[in-house]
N, C-alpha and C. Protein backbone atom coordinates (compact mmCIF):
# COMPACT_ATOMS: atom_id res chain seq x y z
N MET A 1 84.56 -67.98 157.39
CA MET A 1 84.24 -68.33 157.94
C MET A 1 83.05 -69.71 158.56
N LEU A 2 82.77 -69.93 157.37
CA LEU A 2 82.29 -71.36 157.40
C LEU A 2 83.44 -72.12 157.66
N ALA A 3 84.44 -71.91 156.59
CA ALA A 3 85.59 -72.80 157.23
C ALA A 3 85.72 -72.86 158.40
N GLY A 4 85.97 -72.08 159.60
CA GLY A 4 85.96 -71.96 160.70
C GLY A 4 85.42 -72.96 161.35
N ALA A 5 83.92 -72.63 160.91
CA ALA A 5 82.75 -73.38 161.64
C ALA A 5 83.45 -74.94 161.71
N ILE A 6 83.28 -75.09 160.10
CA ILE A 6 83.64 -76.37 159.81
C ILE A 6 84.43 -76.60 160.67
N ILE A 7 86.03 -76.68 160.89
CA ILE A 7 87.05 -77.28 161.35
C ILE A 7 86.80 -77.44 163.03
N LEU A 8 86.57 -75.91 163.51
CA LEU A 8 85.59 -76.38 164.89
C LEU A 8 84.85 -77.67 165.20
N VAL A 9 83.65 -77.80 164.34
CA VAL A 9 82.85 -78.39 164.89
C VAL A 9 83.85 -80.26 164.21
N ARG A 10 84.30 -79.93 163.37
CA ARG A 10 85.00 -81.34 163.37
C ARG A 10 85.81 -81.81 164.32
N LEU A 11 86.89 -80.82 164.65
CA LEU A 11 87.46 -81.08 165.85
C LEU A 11 86.57 -81.76 167.41
N SER A 12 85.60 -81.07 167.36
CA SER A 12 84.79 -81.48 168.52
C SER A 12 83.62 -82.14 168.40
N ILE A 13 82.85 -82.85 167.49
CA ILE A 13 82.34 -83.64 166.91
C ILE A 13 82.64 -84.79 166.23
N PRO A 14 83.01 -86.07 166.97
CA PRO A 14 83.25 -86.90 165.48
C PRO A 14 82.03 -87.11 164.41
N ASP A 15 82.14 -87.76 163.17
CA ASP A 15 81.05 -87.75 162.67
C ASP A 15 79.60 -89.60 162.85
N GLU A 16 80.49 -90.08 163.51
CA GLU A 16 79.54 -91.23 164.31
C GLU A 16 79.25 -91.28 165.89
N PRO A 17 78.38 -91.65 166.56
CA PRO A 17 78.76 -91.30 167.68
C PRO A 17 79.18 -92.42 168.61
N SER A 18 79.48 -93.37 167.63
CA SER A 18 79.98 -94.86 168.21
C SER A 18 81.53 -94.53 168.31
N ASP A 19 82.14 -93.00 167.63
CA ASP A 19 83.71 -92.52 167.92
C ASP A 19 83.56 -92.04 168.82
N GLY A 20 82.92 -91.91 169.58
CA GLY A 20 82.58 -91.13 170.91
C GLY A 20 82.13 -89.46 170.68
N GLY A 21 81.42 -89.55 169.93
CA GLY A 21 80.42 -88.50 169.74
C GLY A 21 79.63 -88.02 170.34
N SER A 22 79.41 -88.85 171.26
CA SER A 22 78.14 -88.33 172.58
C SER A 22 78.97 -87.53 173.90
N ASN A 23 80.77 -88.29 173.71
CA ASN A 23 81.59 -88.10 174.99
C ASN A 23 81.47 -85.84 174.81
N TRP A 24 81.54 -85.34 173.35
CA TRP A 24 81.62 -83.77 173.48
C TRP A 24 80.64 -83.28 174.51
N PHE A 25 79.47 -83.94 174.91
CA PHE A 25 78.55 -83.36 175.79
C PHE A 25 79.46 -83.09 177.00
N VAL A 26 80.05 -84.49 177.34
CA VAL A 26 80.48 -84.22 179.09
C VAL A 26 81.43 -83.50 179.13
N ASP A 27 82.41 -82.95 177.86
CA ASP A 27 83.64 -81.93 178.17
C ASP A 27 83.46 -80.56 177.27
N PRO A 28 83.45 -79.80 178.45
CA PRO A 28 82.74 -78.21 178.54
C PRO A 28 83.71 -77.72 177.71
N SER A 29 84.86 -77.70 177.43
CA SER A 29 85.75 -77.28 176.86
C SER A 29 85.45 -77.27 174.49
N ARG A 30 84.97 -78.83 174.61
CA ARG A 30 84.51 -79.40 173.50
C ARG A 30 82.96 -78.52 172.67
N ARG A 31 81.86 -78.40 174.12
CA ARG A 31 80.46 -77.98 173.79
C ARG A 31 80.87 -76.08 173.92
N ARG A 32 82.31 -75.80 174.23
CA ARG A 32 81.93 -74.62 173.92
C ARG A 32 82.25 -73.90 172.56
N THR A 33 83.13 -75.00 172.05
CA THR A 33 84.03 -75.22 170.94
C THR A 33 82.81 -74.79 170.00
N VAL A 34 81.59 -76.10 169.98
CA VAL A 34 80.68 -76.13 169.20
C VAL A 34 79.83 -74.88 169.29
N GLN A 35 79.72 -74.26 170.74
CA GLN A 35 79.20 -72.84 170.22
C GLN A 35 79.16 -71.88 169.84
N THR A 36 80.76 -71.81 169.54
CA THR A 36 81.60 -70.75 168.78
C THR A 36 81.42 -71.18 167.56
N ALA A 37 81.68 -72.20 167.07
CA ALA A 37 81.42 -72.21 165.76
C ALA A 37 79.46 -72.34 165.31
N LEU A 38 78.99 -72.53 166.40
CA LEU A 38 77.40 -71.92 166.04
C LEU A 38 77.31 -70.54 165.88
N ASP A 39 78.04 -69.55 166.32
CA ASP A 39 78.30 -68.47 166.50
C ASP A 39 78.44 -67.94 165.24
N LEU A 40 79.23 -68.53 164.60
CA LEU A 40 80.05 -68.45 163.39
C LEU A 40 79.07 -68.30 161.81
N ILE A 41 78.26 -69.41 162.09
CA ILE A 41 77.12 -69.54 160.90
C ILE A 41 76.80 -68.76 160.44
N PRO A 42 75.98 -67.83 161.55
CA PRO A 42 74.93 -67.26 160.94
C PRO A 42 75.68 -65.76 159.95
N PHE A 43 76.48 -65.49 160.68
CA PHE A 43 77.68 -64.24 159.77
C PHE A 43 77.76 -64.83 158.37
N ALA A 44 78.29 -66.35 158.94
CA ALA A 44 79.10 -67.07 157.12
C ALA A 44 78.27 -67.37 156.50
N GLY A 45 76.62 -67.29 156.36
CA GLY A 45 75.34 -67.40 155.68
C GLY A 45 74.81 -65.92 155.01
N ILE A 46 75.42 -64.81 156.23
CA ILE A 46 75.20 -63.62 155.49
C ILE A 46 76.25 -63.14 154.44
N PHE A 47 77.65 -63.11 154.67
CA PHE A 47 78.50 -63.38 154.41
C PHE A 47 78.53 -63.90 152.71
N PHE A 48 78.14 -64.70 153.18
CA PHE A 48 78.10 -66.18 151.39
C PHE A 48 76.73 -65.63 150.57
N LEU A 49 75.62 -65.14 150.83
CA LEU A 49 74.58 -63.81 150.42
C LEU A 49 75.42 -62.59 149.62
N TRP A 50 76.40 -62.29 150.36
CA TRP A 50 76.60 -60.92 149.95
C TRP A 50 77.79 -61.47 148.47
N PHE A 51 78.45 -62.54 149.08
CA PHE A 51 79.41 -63.63 147.93
C PHE A 51 78.61 -63.49 146.43
N MET A 52 77.17 -64.15 146.69
CA MET A 52 76.48 -64.27 145.34
C MET A 52 75.96 -63.05 145.33
N GLY A 53 76.10 -61.99 145.80
CA GLY A 53 75.37 -60.58 144.85
C GLY A 53 76.49 -60.39 144.30
N ALA A 54 77.73 -60.43 144.79
CA ALA A 54 78.99 -59.53 144.05
C ALA A 54 79.43 -61.01 142.34
N VAL A 55 79.15 -62.20 143.08
CA VAL A 55 79.17 -62.78 141.67
C VAL A 55 78.56 -62.57 140.62
N ARG A 56 77.09 -62.11 141.04
CA ARG A 56 76.00 -61.77 139.98
C ARG A 56 76.05 -60.22 139.38
N ALA A 57 76.63 -59.46 140.43
CA ALA A 57 76.61 -58.26 139.84
C ALA A 57 78.15 -58.35 138.63
N ARG A 58 79.04 -59.55 139.12
CA ARG A 58 80.52 -59.33 137.96
C ARG A 58 79.53 -59.98 136.98
N ILE A 59 78.80 -60.69 136.66
CA ILE A 59 78.06 -61.40 136.00
C ILE A 59 77.45 -60.57 134.70
N GLY A 60 76.92 -59.30 135.58
CA GLY A 60 75.87 -58.80 134.68
C GLY A 60 74.81 -58.99 133.71
N GLU A 61 74.48 -58.07 132.86
CA GLU A 61 72.95 -58.49 132.50
C GLU A 61 73.22 -59.67 131.76
N ALA A 62 74.33 -60.08 131.38
CA ALA A 62 74.06 -60.96 130.22
C ALA A 62 74.20 -62.91 130.39
N GLU A 63 73.62 -62.53 131.77
CA GLU A 63 73.23 -63.64 132.21
C GLU A 63 72.43 -64.80 131.58
N ASP A 64 73.11 -66.03 131.82
CA ASP A 64 71.89 -66.67 131.15
C ASP A 64 70.42 -67.18 132.65
N LYS A 65 69.24 -67.28 132.34
CA LYS A 65 68.12 -67.03 132.62
C LYS A 65 68.14 -68.34 133.92
N PHE A 66 67.88 -69.89 132.44
CA PHE A 66 68.22 -70.96 133.32
C PHE A 66 68.88 -71.13 134.38
N ILE A 67 70.49 -70.89 134.25
CA ILE A 67 71.37 -70.92 135.37
C ILE A 67 71.49 -70.15 135.84
N ALA A 68 71.02 -68.73 135.71
CA ALA A 68 71.43 -68.34 136.53
C ALA A 68 69.82 -68.67 138.12
N THR A 69 68.67 -68.94 137.56
CA THR A 69 67.90 -69.47 138.55
C THR A 69 68.41 -70.61 139.30
N VAL A 70 69.20 -71.31 138.94
CA VAL A 70 69.52 -72.84 139.48
C VAL A 70 70.80 -71.79 140.78
N PHE A 71 71.55 -71.20 139.60
CA PHE A 71 72.54 -70.26 140.68
C PHE A 71 71.93 -69.90 142.03
N MET A 72 71.04 -68.92 141.87
CA MET A 72 69.91 -68.23 142.83
C MET A 72 69.37 -69.22 143.81
N GLY A 73 69.18 -70.53 143.16
CA GLY A 73 67.96 -71.26 143.98
C GLY A 73 68.85 -72.52 144.98
N SER A 74 70.28 -72.45 144.45
CA SER A 74 71.19 -73.87 144.78
C SER A 74 71.61 -72.39 146.17
N GLY A 75 71.74 -71.62 146.07
CA GLY A 75 72.78 -70.52 146.94
C GLY A 75 72.20 -70.59 148.24
N LEU A 76 70.39 -70.05 147.70
CA LEU A 76 69.42 -70.06 149.57
C LEU A 76 69.17 -71.07 149.43
N LEU A 77 69.66 -72.54 148.53
CA LEU A 77 69.40 -73.75 149.58
C LEU A 77 70.14 -74.05 150.39
N PHE A 78 71.95 -73.47 149.77
CA PHE A 78 72.29 -73.80 150.57
C PHE A 78 72.42 -72.98 151.95
N VAL A 79 72.40 -71.60 151.84
CA VAL A 79 72.06 -71.17 153.71
C VAL A 79 71.32 -71.68 154.20
N ALA A 80 70.20 -71.71 153.55
CA ALA A 80 68.92 -72.62 154.28
C ALA A 80 69.83 -74.33 155.52
N THR A 81 69.85 -74.49 154.53
CA THR A 81 70.40 -76.20 155.01
C THR A 81 71.11 -75.59 156.39
N LEU A 82 72.47 -74.94 155.53
CA LEU A 82 73.72 -75.18 156.93
C LEU A 82 73.08 -73.99 157.94
N PHE A 83 71.59 -73.11 157.74
CA PHE A 83 71.18 -73.05 159.15
C PHE A 83 70.70 -73.84 159.68
N GLY A 84 70.01 -75.00 159.06
CA GLY A 84 69.40 -75.83 159.56
C GLY A 84 70.52 -76.76 160.48
N ALA A 85 71.12 -76.76 160.25
CA ALA A 85 72.36 -77.94 160.75
C ALA A 85 72.80 -76.81 161.40
N SER A 86 72.66 -76.02 161.76
CA SER A 86 73.43 -75.41 162.78
C SER A 86 72.10 -75.16 164.33
N ALA A 87 71.32 -75.37 163.61
CA ALA A 87 69.98 -75.31 164.66
C ALA A 87 69.52 -76.95 164.93
N ALA A 88 70.21 -77.64 164.49
CA ALA A 88 70.39 -79.04 164.65
C ALA A 88 71.43 -79.27 166.11
N ALA A 89 72.63 -78.62 165.41
CA ALA A 89 73.65 -78.92 166.37
C ALA A 89 73.47 -77.80 167.57
N GLY A 90 72.46 -76.49 168.11
CA GLY A 90 72.27 -75.86 169.10
C GLY A 90 71.18 -76.36 169.56
N SER A 91 70.42 -77.07 169.17
CA SER A 91 69.44 -78.28 169.88
C SER A 91 69.86 -79.26 170.60
N LEU A 92 71.33 -79.47 170.04
CA LEU A 92 71.67 -80.93 170.93
C LEU A 92 72.04 -80.05 172.08
N LEU A 93 73.24 -78.74 172.08
CA LEU A 93 73.75 -78.82 173.48
C LEU A 93 72.44 -77.78 174.04
N ALA A 94 71.56 -77.54 173.62
CA ALA A 94 70.63 -77.01 174.53
C ALA A 94 69.41 -78.44 174.98
N THR A 95 69.96 -79.59 174.76
CA THR A 95 69.70 -80.73 175.36
C THR A 95 70.31 -81.46 176.16
N ALA A 96 71.38 -80.57 176.30
CA ALA A 96 72.24 -80.99 177.74
C ALA A 96 72.34 -80.99 178.67
N ASP A 97 72.35 -81.21 180.05
CA ASP A 97 71.32 -81.18 181.01
C ASP A 97 73.33 -80.83 181.49
N GLY A 98 72.61 -80.22 183.12
CA GLY A 98 73.77 -79.23 183.79
C GLY A 98 74.94 -79.69 183.98
N SER A 99 74.71 -81.48 183.74
CA SER A 99 76.25 -81.88 184.08
C SER A 99 77.12 -82.26 182.68
N GLY A 100 76.39 -81.86 181.64
CA GLY A 100 76.81 -81.97 180.38
C GLY A 100 76.67 -83.12 180.03
N ALA A 101 76.03 -83.70 179.88
CA ALA A 101 75.66 -85.39 179.71
C ALA A 101 74.16 -85.25 179.02
N GLY A 102 74.23 -85.92 178.15
CA GLY A 102 73.16 -85.72 177.04
C GLY A 102 71.53 -86.32 177.77
N SER A 103 70.74 -86.13 177.59
CA SER A 103 69.25 -86.78 178.72
C SER A 103 68.84 -87.72 178.20
N ASN A 104 69.08 -88.07 176.78
CA ASN A 104 68.90 -88.84 176.35
C ASN A 104 69.76 -89.60 175.06
N GLU A 105 70.73 -90.65 175.54
CA GLU A 105 71.15 -90.91 174.43
C GLU A 105 70.55 -91.75 172.91
N GLN A 106 69.53 -91.80 173.18
CA GLN A 106 68.96 -92.38 171.62
C GLN A 106 68.69 -90.88 171.08
N LEU A 107 68.27 -90.03 171.91
CA LEU A 107 67.96 -88.23 171.44
C LEU A 107 69.03 -87.80 170.47
N SER A 108 70.35 -88.29 171.10
CA SER A 108 71.42 -87.52 171.42
C SER A 108 72.07 -87.93 170.04
N SER A 109 71.99 -89.37 169.56
CA SER A 109 72.70 -90.19 169.05
C SER A 109 71.57 -89.58 167.09
N PHE A 110 70.40 -89.38 167.55
CA PHE A 110 69.44 -89.20 166.62
C PHE A 110 69.96 -87.74 165.82
N GLY A 111 69.66 -86.98 167.32
CA GLY A 111 70.55 -85.45 167.21
C GLY A 111 71.65 -85.37 165.95
N GLN A 112 73.01 -86.07 166.39
CA GLN A 112 74.09 -85.49 165.71
C GLN A 112 74.30 -86.54 164.56
N HIS A 113 73.34 -87.21 164.21
CA HIS A 113 73.22 -88.14 162.76
C HIS A 113 72.28 -86.78 162.17
N PHE A 114 71.28 -86.50 162.51
CA PHE A 114 70.86 -85.18 161.62
C PHE A 114 71.46 -84.55 161.41
N THR A 115 72.30 -83.90 162.07
CA THR A 115 72.62 -82.85 162.18
C THR A 115 73.86 -82.90 160.63
N TYR A 116 74.78 -83.72 161.01
CA TYR A 116 75.88 -84.33 160.08
C TYR A 116 75.26 -84.48 158.80
N SER A 117 73.74 -84.86 158.12
CA SER A 117 73.07 -85.44 157.30
C SER A 117 73.41 -84.20 156.48
N LEU A 118 72.85 -83.34 157.14
CA LEU A 118 72.19 -81.90 157.09
C LEU A 118 73.32 -80.81 156.35
N LEU A 119 74.95 -81.21 156.91
CA LEU A 119 75.52 -80.74 156.90
C LEU A 119 76.16 -81.19 155.31
N THR A 120 76.57 -82.45 155.81
CA THR A 120 77.63 -82.85 154.59
C THR A 120 76.77 -84.18 153.28
N THR A 121 75.89 -83.96 153.89
CA THR A 121 74.63 -84.65 152.39
C THR A 121 74.02 -83.36 151.85
N TYR A 122 72.96 -82.90 152.35
CA TYR A 122 72.07 -81.85 151.45
C TYR A 122 72.74 -80.33 151.73
N SER A 123 73.53 -79.50 152.16
CA SER A 123 73.86 -78.80 152.74
C SER A 123 75.26 -78.44 151.55
N MET A 124 75.88 -79.64 151.29
CA MET A 124 77.05 -79.67 150.34
C MET A 124 76.58 -80.42 149.03
N ARG A 125 75.75 -80.57 148.81
CA ARG A 125 74.97 -81.13 147.60
C ARG A 125 74.38 -79.80 147.05
N MET A 126 74.02 -78.60 147.82
CA MET A 126 73.40 -77.25 147.54
C MET A 126 74.96 -76.54 146.95
N ALA A 127 75.70 -76.81 147.99
CA ALA A 127 76.77 -75.90 147.67
C ALA A 127 77.39 -76.57 146.26
N ALA A 128 77.22 -78.17 145.60
CA ALA A 128 78.11 -78.29 144.65
C ALA A 128 77.26 -77.76 143.36
N VAL A 129 76.07 -77.62 143.38
CA VAL A 129 75.30 -77.45 141.99
C VAL A 129 75.47 -75.72 141.99
N PHE A 130 75.27 -75.03 143.50
CA PHE A 130 75.95 -73.70 143.21
C PHE A 130 77.44 -73.81 142.56
N VAL A 131 77.87 -74.36 142.75
CA VAL A 131 79.44 -74.00 141.72
C VAL A 131 79.34 -74.68 140.82
N PHE A 132 78.52 -75.18 140.35
CA PHE A 132 78.68 -76.22 139.35
C PHE A 132 78.25 -74.98 138.15
N SER A 133 77.13 -73.84 138.78
CA SER A 133 76.22 -73.25 138.00
C SER A 133 77.04 -71.98 137.86
N THR A 134 77.86 -71.71 139.11
CA THR A 134 78.67 -70.50 138.94
C THR A 134 79.51 -70.48 138.03
N SER A 135 80.35 -72.01 138.13
CA SER A 135 81.75 -71.96 136.69
C SER A 135 81.28 -72.23 135.87
N SER A 136 79.80 -72.73 135.36
CA SER A 136 79.05 -72.13 134.11
C SER A 136 78.83 -71.41 133.41
N ILE A 137 78.27 -70.45 134.60
CA ILE A 137 77.86 -68.76 134.08
C ILE A 137 79.24 -68.07 133.95
N GLY A 138 80.05 -68.34 134.66
CA GLY A 138 81.44 -67.82 134.21
C GLY A 138 82.39 -68.08 133.53
N HIS A 139 82.07 -68.82 132.79
CA HIS A 139 82.62 -69.63 131.66
C HIS A 139 82.14 -69.43 130.62
N ARG A 140 81.01 -69.99 130.32
CA ARG A 140 80.00 -68.64 128.90
C ARG A 140 80.46 -67.74 128.56
N LEU A 141 80.60 -66.86 129.29
CA LEU A 141 80.09 -65.67 129.38
C LEU A 141 81.45 -64.71 129.46
N GLY A 142 82.82 -65.31 130.26
CA GLY A 142 84.11 -64.86 129.99
C GLY A 142 84.97 -64.36 131.14
N VAL A 143 83.69 -64.58 132.22
CA VAL A 143 83.97 -63.55 133.16
C VAL A 143 84.85 -64.27 134.49
N LEU A 144 84.98 -65.85 134.13
CA LEU A 144 86.11 -66.35 135.18
C LEU A 144 86.94 -67.19 134.27
N PRO A 145 88.49 -67.13 134.43
CA PRO A 145 89.29 -67.55 133.42
C PRO A 145 89.03 -69.15 133.41
N ARG A 146 89.50 -69.51 132.54
CA ARG A 146 89.33 -71.14 132.25
C ARG A 146 89.70 -72.43 133.00
N TRP A 147 91.28 -71.42 134.19
CA TRP A 147 91.48 -72.65 135.22
C TRP A 147 90.52 -72.52 136.22
N LEU A 148 90.36 -71.43 137.00
CA LEU A 148 89.10 -71.00 137.58
C LEU A 148 87.83 -71.27 137.51
N SER A 149 87.45 -72.26 136.04
CA SER A 149 86.01 -72.30 135.88
C SER A 149 86.24 -74.29 136.08
N LEU A 150 87.47 -74.33 135.41
CA LEU A 150 88.11 -75.93 135.24
C LEU A 150 87.85 -76.68 137.39
N LEU A 151 88.72 -75.53 137.66
CA LEU A 151 88.60 -75.79 139.73
C LEU A 151 87.50 -76.06 139.92
N GLY A 152 86.09 -75.17 139.44
CA GLY A 152 84.91 -74.81 140.17
C GLY A 152 84.25 -76.27 139.67
N TYR A 153 84.36 -77.00 138.56
CA TYR A 153 83.78 -78.22 138.04
C TYR A 153 84.53 -79.11 139.20
N LEU A 154 85.79 -79.34 139.20
CA LEU A 154 85.82 -80.21 140.31
C LEU A 154 85.82 -80.53 142.02
N VAL A 155 86.12 -78.66 142.24
CA VAL A 155 85.43 -79.03 142.93
C VAL A 155 83.79 -79.20 144.05
N ALA A 156 83.21 -78.89 142.45
CA ALA A 156 81.51 -79.48 142.86
C ALA A 156 81.43 -80.80 142.86
N LEU A 157 82.32 -81.16 141.48
CA LEU A 157 82.30 -83.18 141.37
C LEU A 157 82.95 -83.90 143.32
N THR A 158 83.86 -82.92 143.49
CA THR A 158 84.12 -83.64 145.23
C THR A 158 82.78 -83.34 146.25
N LEU A 159 82.24 -82.40 146.09
CA LEU A 159 81.22 -81.58 147.06
C LEU A 159 79.98 -83.19 146.93
N LEU A 160 79.58 -83.18 145.40
CA LEU A 160 78.37 -84.29 145.26
C LEU A 160 78.98 -85.70 145.74
N PHE A 161 79.83 -85.55 145.33
CA PHE A 161 80.58 -87.77 145.49
C PHE A 161 81.43 -88.13 147.11
N VAL A 162 81.57 -87.00 147.40
CA VAL A 162 82.83 -87.46 148.54
C VAL A 162 82.59 -86.95 149.82
N THR A 163 81.90 -85.62 149.84
CA THR A 163 81.39 -85.08 151.52
C THR A 163 81.27 -85.95 152.45
N ASP A 164 80.73 -86.99 151.99
CA ASP A 164 79.65 -87.85 152.49
C ASP A 164 80.46 -88.87 153.38
N SER A 165 81.52 -88.97 153.06
CA SER A 165 82.59 -90.11 152.79
C SER A 165 83.77 -89.51 153.21
N ILE A 166 84.36 -88.94 152.87
CA ILE A 166 85.42 -88.28 153.34
C ILE A 166 85.18 -87.21 154.28
N ALA A 167 85.74 -87.20 155.44
CA ALA A 167 85.85 -85.85 156.26
C ALA A 167 86.90 -85.12 156.00
N TRP A 168 86.63 -83.74 156.63
CA TRP A 168 87.53 -82.20 155.57
C TRP A 168 86.98 -82.04 154.42
N SER A 169 86.28 -83.17 153.41
CA SER A 169 86.54 -82.65 152.11
C SER A 169 85.94 -81.05 151.97
N GLU A 170 84.54 -80.88 152.67
CA GLU A 170 83.55 -80.22 152.13
C GLU A 170 84.45 -78.76 152.32
N LEU A 171 85.58 -78.66 153.11
CA LEU A 171 86.41 -77.48 153.74
C LEU A 171 86.85 -76.95 151.39
N VAL A 172 86.46 -78.13 150.59
CA VAL A 172 86.99 -77.14 149.36
C VAL A 172 86.29 -76.49 148.72
N PHE A 173 85.05 -75.60 149.71
CA PHE A 173 83.85 -74.73 148.99
C PHE A 173 84.20 -73.70 149.88
N PRO A 174 84.80 -73.78 150.84
CA PRO A 174 84.99 -71.95 151.41
C PRO A 174 86.67 -71.49 150.56
N LEU A 175 87.33 -72.72 150.30
CA LEU A 175 88.54 -72.72 149.90
C LEU A 175 87.96 -71.79 148.30
N TRP A 176 87.52 -72.88 147.20
CA TRP A 176 87.21 -71.99 146.13
C TRP A 176 86.26 -70.88 146.37
N ALA A 177 85.27 -70.74 147.18
CA ALA A 177 84.80 -68.97 147.47
C ALA A 177 85.79 -68.12 148.03
N LEU A 178 86.94 -68.29 148.66
CA LEU A 178 87.80 -67.65 148.47
C LEU A 178 88.68 -67.29 147.55
N ILE A 179 89.14 -68.16 147.32
CA ILE A 179 89.88 -68.32 145.71
C ILE A 179 89.03 -67.13 144.02
N VAL A 180 87.74 -67.55 144.05
CA VAL A 180 86.76 -66.85 143.42
C VAL A 180 86.53 -64.91 143.86
N SER A 181 86.26 -64.97 145.54
CA SER A 181 86.22 -63.50 145.76
C SER A 181 87.22 -63.03 145.35
N ILE A 182 88.65 -63.37 145.74
CA ILE A 182 90.06 -63.05 145.53
C ILE A 182 89.87 -62.41 143.76
N HIS A 183 89.37 -62.94 143.18
CA HIS A 183 89.20 -63.06 141.55
C HIS A 183 88.40 -61.68 141.44
N ILE A 184 87.71 -61.84 142.01
CA ILE A 184 86.57 -60.54 141.77
C ILE A 184 87.08 -59.29 142.45
N LEU A 185 87.65 -59.92 143.27
CA LEU A 185 88.05 -58.38 143.78
C LEU A 185 89.30 -57.46 143.10
N VAL A 186 90.50 -58.33 142.38
CA VAL A 186 91.27 -57.81 141.73
C VAL A 186 90.59 -57.65 140.25
N ALA A 187 89.80 -58.18 139.96
CA ALA A 187 89.27 -58.08 138.60
C ALA A 187 88.43 -56.61 138.29
N GLY A 188 87.93 -56.21 140.04
CA GLY A 188 87.25 -55.03 139.77
C GLY A 188 88.13 -53.70 139.46
N PHE A 189 89.41 -53.97 139.62
CA PHE A 189 90.39 -52.67 139.52
C PHE A 189 90.95 -52.74 137.65
N HIS A 190 89.92 -53.70 137.45
CA HIS A 190 90.45 -53.50 135.92
C HIS A 190 89.22 -53.82 134.99
N PRO A 191 89.33 -53.05 134.10
CA PRO A 191 88.06 -52.16 133.23
C PRO A 191 87.56 -53.82 132.11
N ARG A 192 86.23 -54.25 132.99
CA ARG A 192 86.03 -55.21 131.97
C ARG A 192 85.85 -55.36 131.11
N PRO A 193 86.43 -56.37 130.17
CA PRO A 193 85.23 -56.31 128.27
C PRO A 193 83.86 -56.63 128.83
N ALA A 194 83.02 -56.34 127.76
CA ALA A 194 81.79 -56.60 127.50
C ALA A 194 81.48 -58.29 127.15
N PRO A 195 80.52 -58.92 127.61
CA PRO A 195 81.19 -60.28 127.72
C PRO A 195 79.91 -60.44 126.36
N ALA A 196 80.73 -62.00 125.98
CA ALA A 196 80.26 -62.31 124.71
C ALA A 196 78.73 -62.82 125.08
N VAL A 197 77.57 -62.38 124.87
CA VAL A 197 76.59 -63.43 125.26
C VAL A 197 76.13 -64.28 123.78
N SER A 198 76.21 -65.68 124.92
CA SER A 198 75.98 -66.98 124.19
C SER A 198 74.54 -67.12 123.06
N SER A 199 74.17 -67.50 122.41
CA SER A 199 72.54 -67.44 120.89
C SER A 199 72.40 -68.62 122.17
């Protein structure tokens, strides 16, 4: 759902207002596409919290308290900033008048920059910390295979340093979450060995 929402927003609203970003106000189909993306976001957030619970259940009692705190905090902050970006985009839609044009060009430009900053800078940075902490816990306790932990570190670096400069790169996060979810589902059908507690 998160990937779908990101794709819909990216297709409808360019990064910069100077790239024709304010034109999406005038196009009813693009406004409907943005509204569809905004309708998906709350469910994506709910399912992400469910995903966090599944990861913690997989980790079990042997989790490192420090990394587990970073894991929980970054996951919750990711959802909060994602919802903030959605609220900002929803406000942009609400400020458009009946003809589909923004009531104030400067306000529209501010709202668009604010929305993209929340999504690509703050939300994705929190996602990077979440991926890094999840991969670290999974590697330490042996609940994630080595290749999946390494993939997580690569995804975290991408989210930390690339998302605000390369469009579409934030899609690596939902893709990573999908791969981890499939691993947890498949591993759930097999007996889990007792995790090694690091001293």
